[in-house]
C-alpha atoms as a PDB file:
ATOM      1  CA  MET A   1      -0.028  -0.069   0.031  1.00  0.00           C
ATOM      2  CA  VAL A   2       1.530   3.342  -1.157  1.00  0.00           C
ATOM      3  CA  LEU A   3       1.328   5.999   1.603  1.00  0.00           C
ATOM      4  CA  SER A   4       0.087   9.512   0.740  1.00  0.00           C
ATOM      5  CA  PRO A   5       2.122  12.579   2.056  1.00  0.00           C
ATOM      6  CA  GLU A   6      -0.831  13.202   4.337  1.00  0.00           C
ATOM      7  CA  ARG A   7      -0.903   9.768   5.758  1.00  0.00           C
ATOM      8  CA  LYS A   8       2.937  10.010   6.307  1.00  0.00           C
ATOM      9  CA  LEU A   9       2.449  13.187   8.306  1.00  0.00           C
ATOM     10  CA  VAL A  10      -0.182  11.455  10.467  1.00  0.00           C
ATOM     11  CA  LEU A  11       1.973   8.385  11.020  1.00  0.00           C
ATOM     12  CA  ARG A  12       5.015  10.614  11.946  1.00  0.00           C
ATOM     13  CA  SER A  13       2.909  12.502  14.452  1.00  0.00           C
ATOM     14  CA  PHE A  14       1.764   9.182  15.879  1.00  0.00           C
ATOM     15  CA  CYS A  15       5.342   7.901  16.156  1.00  0.00           C
ATOM     16  CA  HIS A  16       6.081  10.910  18.308  1.00  0.00           C
ATOM     17  CA  ARG A  17       3.129  10.072  20.579  1.00  0.00           C
ATOM     18  CA  LEU A  18       4.306   6.413  20.804  1.00  0.00           C
ATOM     19  CA  GLY A  19       7.929   7.450  21.535  1.00  0.00           C
ATOM     20  CA  VAL A  20       9.048   5.213  18.763  1.00  0.00           C
ATOM     21  CA  ASP A  21      10.870   6.171  15.618  1.00  0.00           C
ATOM     22  CA  PHE A  22       9.890   3.902  12.780  1.00  0.00           C
ATOM     23  CA  VAL A  23      12.348   3.958   9.885  1.00  0.00           C
ATOM     24  CA  ASP A  24       9.721   2.304   7.698  1.00  0.00           C
ATOM     25  CA  LEU A  25       6.491   4.040   8.229  1.00  0.00           C
ATOM     26  CA  SER A  26       4.688   1.427   6.170  1.00  0.00           C
ATOM     27  CA  LEU A  27       5.236  -1.134   9.064  1.00  0.00           C
ATOM     28  CA  LEU A  28       3.368   1.205  11.368  1.00  0.00           C
ATOM     29  CA  ASN A  29       0.661   1.804   8.898  1.00  0.00           C
ATOM     30  CA  GLN A  30       0.224  -2.027   8.443  1.00  0.00           C
ATOM     31  CA  ALA A  31      -0.260  -2.314  12.183  1.00  0.00           C
ATOM     32  CA  LEU A  32      -3.246   0.129  11.934  1.00  0.00           C
ATOM     33  CA  LEU A  33      -4.724  -1.594   8.801  1.00  0.00           C
ATOM     34  CA  HIS A  34      -7.845  -3.473   9.889  1.00  0.00           C
ATOM     35  CA  SER A  35      -9.072  -6.407   7.915  1.00  0.00           C
ATOM     36  CA  SER A  36     -12.333  -4.539   7.061  1.00  0.00           C
ATOM     37  CA  PHE A  37     -10.293  -2.002   5.233  1.00  0.00           C
ATOM     38  CA  THR A  38      -8.222  -4.577   3.330  1.00  0.00           C
ATOM     39  CA  ASN A  39     -11.484  -6.483   2.371  1.00  0.00           C
ATOM     40  CA  GLU A  40     -13.367  -3.466   1.197  1.00  0.00           C
ATOM     41  CA  ASN A  41     -10.362  -2.144  -0.951  1.00  0.00           C
ATOM     42  CA  ASN A  42      -9.285  -5.589  -2.216  1.00  0.00           C
ATOM     43  CA  LEU A  43      -5.966  -5.476  -0.775  1.00  0.00           C
ATOM     44  CA  PRO A  44      -3.936  -8.701  -0.230  1.00  0.00           C
ATOM     45  CA  TYR A  45      -4.489 -10.365   3.244  1.00  0.00           C
ATOM     46  CA  HIS A  46      -0.818  -9.980   4.241  1.00  0.00           C
ATOM     47  CA  GLU A  47      -1.040  -6.206   4.018  1.00  0.00           C
ATOM     48  CA  GLY A  48      -3.487  -6.120   7.036  1.00  0.00           C
ATOM     49  CA  ASN A  49      -2.460  -6.182  10.657  1.00  0.00           C
ATOM     50  CA  GLU A  50      -3.635  -9.627  11.635  1.00  0.00           C
ATOM     51  CA  ARG A  51      -0.210 -11.323  11.230  1.00  0.00           C
ATOM     52  CA  LEU A  52       1.431  -8.493  13.217  1.00  0.00           C
ATOM     53  CA  GLU A  53      -1.202  -9.039  15.801  1.00  0.00           C
ATOM     54  CA  PHE A  54      -0.219 -12.719  16.014  1.00  0.00           C
ATOM     55  CA  LEU A  55       3.434 -11.778  16.387  1.00  0.00           C
ATOM     56  CA  GLY A  56       2.716  -8.944  18.845  1.00  0.00           C
ATOM     57  CA  ASP A  57       0.639 -11.228  21.123  1.00  0.00           C
ATOM     58  CA  ALA A  58       3.585 -13.436  21.448  1.00  0.00           C
ATOM     59  CA  VAL A  59       6.093 -10.581  21.973  1.00  0.00           C
ATOM     60  CA  LEU A  60       3.826  -8.941  24.542  1.00  0.00           C
ATOM     61  CA  GLY A  61       3.390 -12.202  26.508  1.00  0.00           C
ATOM     62  CA  LEU A  62       7.128 -12.870  26.600  1.00  0.00           C
ATOM     63  CA  ILE A  63       7.973  -9.322  27.906  1.00  0.00           C
ATOM     64  CA  VAL A  64       5.265  -9.381  30.688  1.00  0.00           C
ATOM     65  CA  THR A  65       6.235 -12.914  31.608  1.00  0.00           C
ATOM     66  CA  GLU A  66       9.788 -12.187  31.794  1.00  0.00           C
ATOM     67  CA  GLU A  67       9.263  -8.947  33.873  1.00  0.00           C
ATOM     68  CA  LEU A  68       7.081 -10.823  36.258  1.00  0.00           C
ATOM     69  CA  PHE A  69       9.645 -13.593  36.607  1.00  0.00           C
ATOM     70  CA  LYS A  70      12.604 -11.225  37.384  1.00  0.00           C
ATOM     71  CA  ARG A  71      10.734  -8.683  39.556  1.00  0.00           C
ATOM     72  CA  TYR A  72       8.723 -10.892  41.792  1.00  0.00           C
ATOM     73  CA  GLU A  73      11.053 -13.678  43.097  1.00  0.00           C
ATOM     74  CA  GLU A  74       8.739 -14.419  46.075  1.00  0.00           C
ATOM     75  CA  ARG A  75       5.674 -15.100  43.853  1.00  0.00           C
ATOM     76  CA  LYS A  76       4.561 -18.605  42.935  1.00  0.00           C
ATOM     77  CA  GLU A  77       3.802 -19.626  39.261  1.00  0.00           C
ATOM     78  CA  GLY A  78       0.141 -19.584  39.937  1.00  0.00           C
ATOM     79  CA  GLU A  79       0.147 -15.989  41.166  1.00  0.00           C
ATOM     80  CA  LEU A  80       2.249 -14.743  38.341  1.00  0.00           C
ATOM     81  CA  SER A  81      -0.095 -16.455  35.867  1.00  0.00           C
ATOM     82  CA  LYS A  82      -3.068 -14.593  37.222  1.00  0.00           C
ATOM     83  CA  VAL A  83      -1.244 -11.267  37.115  1.00  0.00           C
ATOM     84  CA  LYS A  84      -0.255 -11.786  33.489  1.00  0.00           C
ATOM     85  CA  SER A  85      -3.734 -12.867  32.544  1.00  0.00           C
ATOM     86  CA  VAL A  86      -5.079  -9.454  33.791  1.00  0.00           C
ATOM     87  CA  VAL A  87      -2.310  -7.393  32.457  1.00  0.00           C
ATOM     88  CA  VAL A  88      -2.567  -8.659  28.824  1.00  0.00           C
ATOM     89  CA  SER A  89      -6.380  -8.946  28.947  1.00  0.00           C
ATOM     90  CA  ARG A  90      -8.635  -7.333  26.205  1.00  0.00           C
ATOM     91  CA  LYS A  91      -9.850  -4.833  28.790  1.00  0.00           C
ATOM     92  CA  VAL A  92      -6.444  -3.483  29.833  1.00  0.00           C
ATOM     93  CA  LEU A  93      -4.986  -3.472  26.320  1.00  0.00           C
ATOM     94  CA  ALA A  94      -8.079  -1.631  24.917  1.00  0.00           C
ATOM     95  CA  GLU A  95      -7.681   0.950  27.738  1.00  0.00           C
ATOM     96  CA  LYS A  96      -4.017   1.538  26.800  1.00  0.00           C
ATOM     97  CA  ALA A  97      -4.825   1.739  23.208  1.00  0.00           C
ATOM     98  CA  GLN A  98      -7.378   4.454  24.082  1.00  0.00           C
ATOM     99  CA  GLU A  99      -4.720   6.233  26.189  1.00  0.00           C
ATOM    100  CA  ILE A 100      -2.406   6.584  23.141  1.00  0.00           C
ATOM    101  CA  GLY A 101      -5.141   7.609  20.829  1.00  0.00           C
ATOM    102  CA  LEU A 102      -4.792   4.513  18.706  1.00  0.00           C
ATOM    103  CA  GLY A 103      -8.391   4.414  17.463  1.00  0.00           C
ATOM    104  CA  ARG A 104      -8.124   7.735  15.705  1.00  0.00           C
ATOM    105  CA  HIS A 105      -5.258   6.316  13.493  1.00  0.00           C
ATOM    106  CA  LEU A 106      -6.986   3.080  12.524  1.00  0.00           C
ATOM    107  CA  LEU A 107      -7.798   2.443   8.819  1.00  0.00           C
ATOM    108  CA  LEU A 108     -11.255   0.741   8.874  1.00  0.00           C
ATOM    109  CA  GLY A 109     -13.754  -0.285   6.255  1.00  0.00           C
ATOM    110  CA  LYS A 110     -16.889   1.910   6.014  1.00  0.00           C
ATOM    111  CA  GLY A 111     -19.182  -0.658   7.704  1.00  0.00           C
ATOM    112  CA  GLU A 112     -16.759  -1.060  10.607  1.00  0.00           C
ATOM    113  CA  GLU A 113     -16.579   2.643  10.868  1.00  0.00           C
ATOM    114  CA  ILE A 114     -20.253   3.165  10.967  1.00  0.00           C
ATOM    115  CA  THR A 115     -20.748   0.522  13.632  1.00  0.00           C
ATOM    116  CA  GLY A 116     -18.201   2.130  16.030  1.00  0.00           C
ATOM    117  CA  GLY A 117     -15.064   0.107  15.215  1.00  0.00           C
ATOM    118  CA  ARG A 118     -12.764   2.966  16.393  1.00  0.00           C
ATOM    119  CA  THR A 119     -13.917   2.382  19.927  1.00  0.00           C
ATOM    120  CA  ARG A 120     -14.549  -1.392  19.938  1.00  0.00           C
ATOM    121  CA  LYS A 121     -12.459  -2.939  22.700  1.00  0.00           C
ATOM    122  CA  SER A 122     -11.719  -6.092  20.646  1.00  0.00           C
ATOM    123  CA  ILE A 123     -10.271  -3.969  17.729  1.00  0.00           C
ATOM    124  CA  LEU A 124      -8.388  -1.679  20.015  1.00  0.00           C
ATOM    125  CA  ALA A 125      -6.805  -4.580  22.023  1.00  0.00           C
ATOM    126  CA  ASN A 126      -5.783  -6.483  18.913  1.00  0.00           C
ATOM    127  CA  THR A 127      -4.394  -3.388  17.282  1.00  0.00           C
ATOM    128  CA  PHE A 128      -2.356  -2.681  20.405  1.00  0.00           C
ATOM    129  CA  GLU A 129      -0.821  -6.104  19.943  1.00  0.00           C
ATOM    130  CA  SER A 130      -0.207  -5.379  16.239  1.00  0.00           C
ATOM    131  CA  VAL A 131       1.662  -2.247  17.199  1.00  0.00           C
ATOM    132  CA  VAL A 132       3.799  -4.108  19.613  1.00  0.00           C
ATOM    133  CA  GLY A 133       4.519  -6.501  16.729  1.00  0.00           C
ATOM    134  CA  ALA A 134       5.511  -3.776  14.469  1.00  0.00           C
ATOM    135  CA  ILE A 135       7.762  -2.093  17.072  1.00  0.00           C
ATOM    136  CA  TYR A 136       9.552  -5.463  17.569  1.00  0.00           C
ATOM    137  CA  LEU A 137      10.189  -5.841  13.885  1.00  0.00           C
ATOM    138  CA  SER A 138      11.334  -2.305  13.647  1.00  0.00           C
ATOM    139  CA  GLY A 139      13.580  -1.949  16.664  1.00  0.00           C
ATOM    140  CA  GLY A 140      13.926  -5.433  18.221  1.00  0.00           C
ATOM    141  CA  ILE A 141      12.995  -6.746  21.675  1.00  0.00           C
ATOM    142  CA  HIS A 142      14.677  -3.920  23.620  1.00  0.00           C
ATOM    143  CA  LEU A 143      12.536  -1.248  21.968  1.00  0.00           C
ATOM    144  CA  ALA A 144       9.399  -3.402  22.217  1.00  0.00           C
ATOM    145  CA  ARG A 145      10.059  -3.867  26.007  1.00  0.00           C
ATOM    146  CA  GLN A 146      10.503  -0.151  26.552  1.00  0.00           C
ATOM    147  CA  PHE A 147       7.183   0.438  24.771  1.00  0.00           C
ATOM    148  CA  VAL A 148       5.320  -2.266  26.634  1.00  0.00           C
ATOM    149  CA  MET A 149       6.581  -1.435  30.104  1.00  0.00           C
ATOM    150  CA  GLN A 150       5.915   2.230  29.475  1.00  0.00           C
ATOM    151  CA  TYR A 151       2.258   1.410  29.299  1.00  0.00           C
ATOM    152  CA  LEU A 152       1.894  -1.712  31.463  1.00  0.00           C
ATOM    153  CA  GLU A 153       4.273  -1.244  34.344  1.00  0.00           C
ATOM    154  CA  GLU A 154       1.812   0.625  36.475  1.00  0.00           C
ATOM    155  CA  GLU A 155      -0.794  -1.990  35.664  1.00  0.00           C
ATOM    156  CA  ILE A 156       1.433  -4.868  36.760  1.00  0.00           C
ATOM    157  CA  GLU A 157       2.220  -3.132  40.047  1.00  0.00           C
ATOM    158  CA  ARG A 158      -1.525  -2.401  40.560  1.00  0.00           C
ATOM    159  CA  VAL A 159      -2.481  -6.022  40.008  1.00  0.00           C
ATOM    160  CA  ILE A 160       0.342  -7.393  42.267  1.00  0.00           C
ATOM    161  CA  SER A 161      -0.574  -4.946  45.031  1.00  0.00           C
ATOM    162  CA  GLY A 162      -4.155  -6.345  44.934  1.00  0.00           C
ATOM    163  CA  LEU A 163      -3.059  -9.908  45.560  1.00  0.00           C
ATOM    164  CA  SER A 164      -2.947 -11.358  49.101  1.00  0.00           C
ATOM    165  CA  TRP A 165       0.642 -11.758  50.094  1.00  0.00           C
ATOM    166  CA  ARG A 166       2.993 -11.391  53.083  1.00  0.00           C
ATOM    167  CA  ASP A 167       4.171  -7.750  53.419  1.00  0.00           C
ATOM    168  CA  HIS A 168       7.548  -8.243  55.131  1.00  0.00           C
ATOM    169  CA  LYS A 169       8.250  -4.540  55.380  1.00  0.00           C
ATOM    170  CA  SER A 170       5.070  -3.835  57.392  1.00  0.00           C
ATOM    171  CA  GLU A 171       5.581  -7.037  59.404  1.00  0.00           C
ATOM    172  CA  LEU A 172       9.181  -5.998  60.330  1.00  0.00           C
ATOM    173  CA  GLN A 173       8.042  -2.414  61.191  1.00  0.00           C
ATOM    174  CA  GLU A 174       5.266  -3.600  63.455  1.00  0.00           C
ATOM    175  CA  ARG A 175       7.444  -6.012  65.296  1.00  0.00           C
ATOM    176  CA  LEU A 176      10.281  -3.451  65.892  1.00  0.00           C
ATOM    177  CA  GLN A 177       7.834  -0.890  67.090  1.00  0.00           C
ATOM    178  CA  ARG A 178       6.355  -3.410  69.379  1.00  0.00           C
ATOM    179  CA  GLU A 179       9.507  -4.657  70.845  1.00  0.00           C
ATOM    180  CA  SER A 180      11.789  -1.589  70.893  1.00  0.00           C
ATOM    181  CA  GLY A 181       9.635   1.369  69.876  1.00  0.00           C
ATOM    182  CA  LYS A 182      11.928   2.063  66.821  1.00  0.00           C
ATOM    183  CA  LEU A 183      11.472   2.035  63.025  1.00  0.00           C
ATOM    184  CA  PRO A 184      13.730   0.366  60.465  1.00  0.00           C
ATOM    185  CA  SER A 185      15.290   2.417  57.635  1.00  0.00           C
ATOM    186  CA  TYR A 186      16.308   1.221  54.120  1.00  0.00           C
ATOM    187  CA  ARG A 187      19.163   2.328  51.882  1.00  0.00           C
ATOM    188  CA  VAL A 188      20.162   1.284  48.356  1.00  0.00           C
ATOM    189  CA  VAL A 189      23.798   0.079  48.488  1.00  0.00           C
ATOM    190  CA  ASP A 190      24.212  -0.814  44.897  1.00  0.00           C
ATOM    191  CA  VAL A 191      22.533  -0.763  41.455  1.00  0.00           C
ATOM    192  CA  ILE A 192      23.895  -2.989  38.679  1.00  0.00           C
ATOM    193  CA  GLY A 193      22.865  -3.751  35.091  1.00  0.00           C
ATOM    194  CA  PRO A 194      21.686  -1.603  32.185  1.00  0.00           C
ATOM    195  CA  ASP A 195      18.661   0.794  32.522  1.00  0.00           C
ATOM    196  CA  HIS A 196      16.134  -1.743  31.209  1.00  0.00           C
ATOM    197  CA  ASP A 197      17.398  -4.557  33.475  1.00  0.00           C
ATOM    198  CA  LYS A 198      18.500  -3.086  36.760  1.00  0.00           C
ATOM    199  CA  ILE A 199      19.044  -5.124  39.961  1.00  0.00           C
ATOM    200  CA  TYR A 200      18.826  -3.172  43.200  1.00  0.00           C
ATOM    201  CA  ARG A 201      20.626  -4.159  46.436  1.00  0.00           C
ATOM    202  CA  VAL A 202      19.127  -2.782  49.561  1.00  0.00           C
ATOM    203  CA  GLU A 203      20.007  -2.958  53.323  1.00  0.00           C
ATOM    204  CA  VAL A 204      17.578  -2.586  56.242  1.00  0.00           C
ATOM    205  CA  LEU A 205      19.006  -0.927  59.212  1.00  0.00           C
ATOM    206  CA  MET A 206      17.935  -0.057  62.761  1.00  0.00           C
ATOM    207  CA  ASP A 207      20.241   2.296  64.864  1.00  0.00           C
ATOM    208  CA  GLY A 208      22.703   2.122  62.153  1.00  0.00           C
ATOM    209  CA  GLN A 209      23.047  -1.570  62.353  1.00  0.00           C
ATOM    210  CA  VAL A 210      22.341  -3.767  59.257  1.00  0.00           C
ATOM    211  CA  PHE A 211      19.709  -6.425  59.979  1.00  0.00           C
ATOM    212  CA  GLY A 212      19.160  -7.686  56.484  1.00  0.00           C
ATOM    213  CA  GLU A 213      19.988  -7.338  52.825  1.00  0.00           C
ATOM    214  CA  GLY A 214      17.938  -8.088  49.752  1.00  0.00           C
ATOM    215  CA  GLU A 215      18.172  -7.915  45.920  1.00  0.00           C
ATOM    216  CA  GLY A 216      15.256  -7.283  43.439  1.00  0.00           C
ATOM    217  CA  LYS A 217      14.342  -5.873  40.030  1.00  0.00           C
ATOM    218  CA  SER A 218      12.824  -2.767  41.815  1.00  0.00           C
ATOM    219  CA  LYS A 219      13.527  -0.885  44.965  1.00  0.00           C
ATOM    220  CA  LYS A 220      10.317  -2.090  46.473  1.00  0.00           C
ATOM    221  CA  SER A 221      10.953  -5.796  45.780  1.00  0.00           C
ATOM    222  CA  ALA A 222      14.562  -5.354  47.181  1.00  0.00           C
ATOM    223  CA  GLU A 223      13.281  -3.733  50.346  1.00  0.00           C
ATOM    224  CA  GLN A 224      10.777  -6.596  50.731  1.00  0.00           C
ATOM    225  CA  ALA A 225      13.689  -9.150  50.489  1.00  0.00           C
ATOM    226  CA  ALA A 226      15.772  -7.274  52.911  1.00  0.00           C
ATOM    227  CA  ALA A 227      12.887  -7.159  55.410  1.00  0.00           C
ATOM    228  CA  ARG A 228      12.238 -10.862  55.037  1.00  0.00           C
ATOM    229  CA  GLU A 229      15.961 -11.558  55.731  1.00  0.00           C
ATOM    230  CA  ALA A 230      15.710  -9.195  58.829  1.00  0.00           C
ATOM    231  CA  LEU A 231      12.696 -11.097  60.221  1.00  0.00           C
ATOM    232  CA  GLU A 232      14.461 -14.366  59.833  1.00  0.00           C
ATOM    233  CA  GLN A 233      17.490 -12.878  61.819  1.00  0.00           C
ATOM    234  CA  LEU A 234      15.275 -11.691  64.703  1.00  0.00           C
END
């Protein structure tokens, strides 16, 4: 499909909104090309976004799964599966698609347009996946991870916080207050790894004395690990 100068301007503006620089704008355009448009305009099937959606679904699942695996070492497989199912659900992906204004840039057939396709959750969620697939092909897994986590990191933390789990930090604080009337403090002693894959090392102290140490993919998870070790020492 040949892109008009006007369409190229729209896509470049959308690239800026996404925070992704597509060298090949036709790849982004394909991610936004719904099957209703290809059908009505007699375009080949492979020019639509369904194959990119298939790829993006796999890339999205891998990124979220890897992040959950690395960040939440104390979580069991069943818990992580529940979190993933919510984070990559149609509801969440449709909300994120609306957040970035994806619907406005879709190419839809006339029938789909009339029946509200631009705001239909299934179309928005599927197109979010196709955009992830296009970003992966354009910039690789690193760029795809940056994009996915930009929009899904808060959702992951929200779902995790809603699960019933042992809060080691609160437990340690309550115990120390009860036994000594004092509060623990935490300090980051080391951060290793690249920006997209950092590991934090944290110590928990009371009266300047180290009671525990922990590591994690975020400061919060490292603090939880340190508090858990401190509880084991008390």
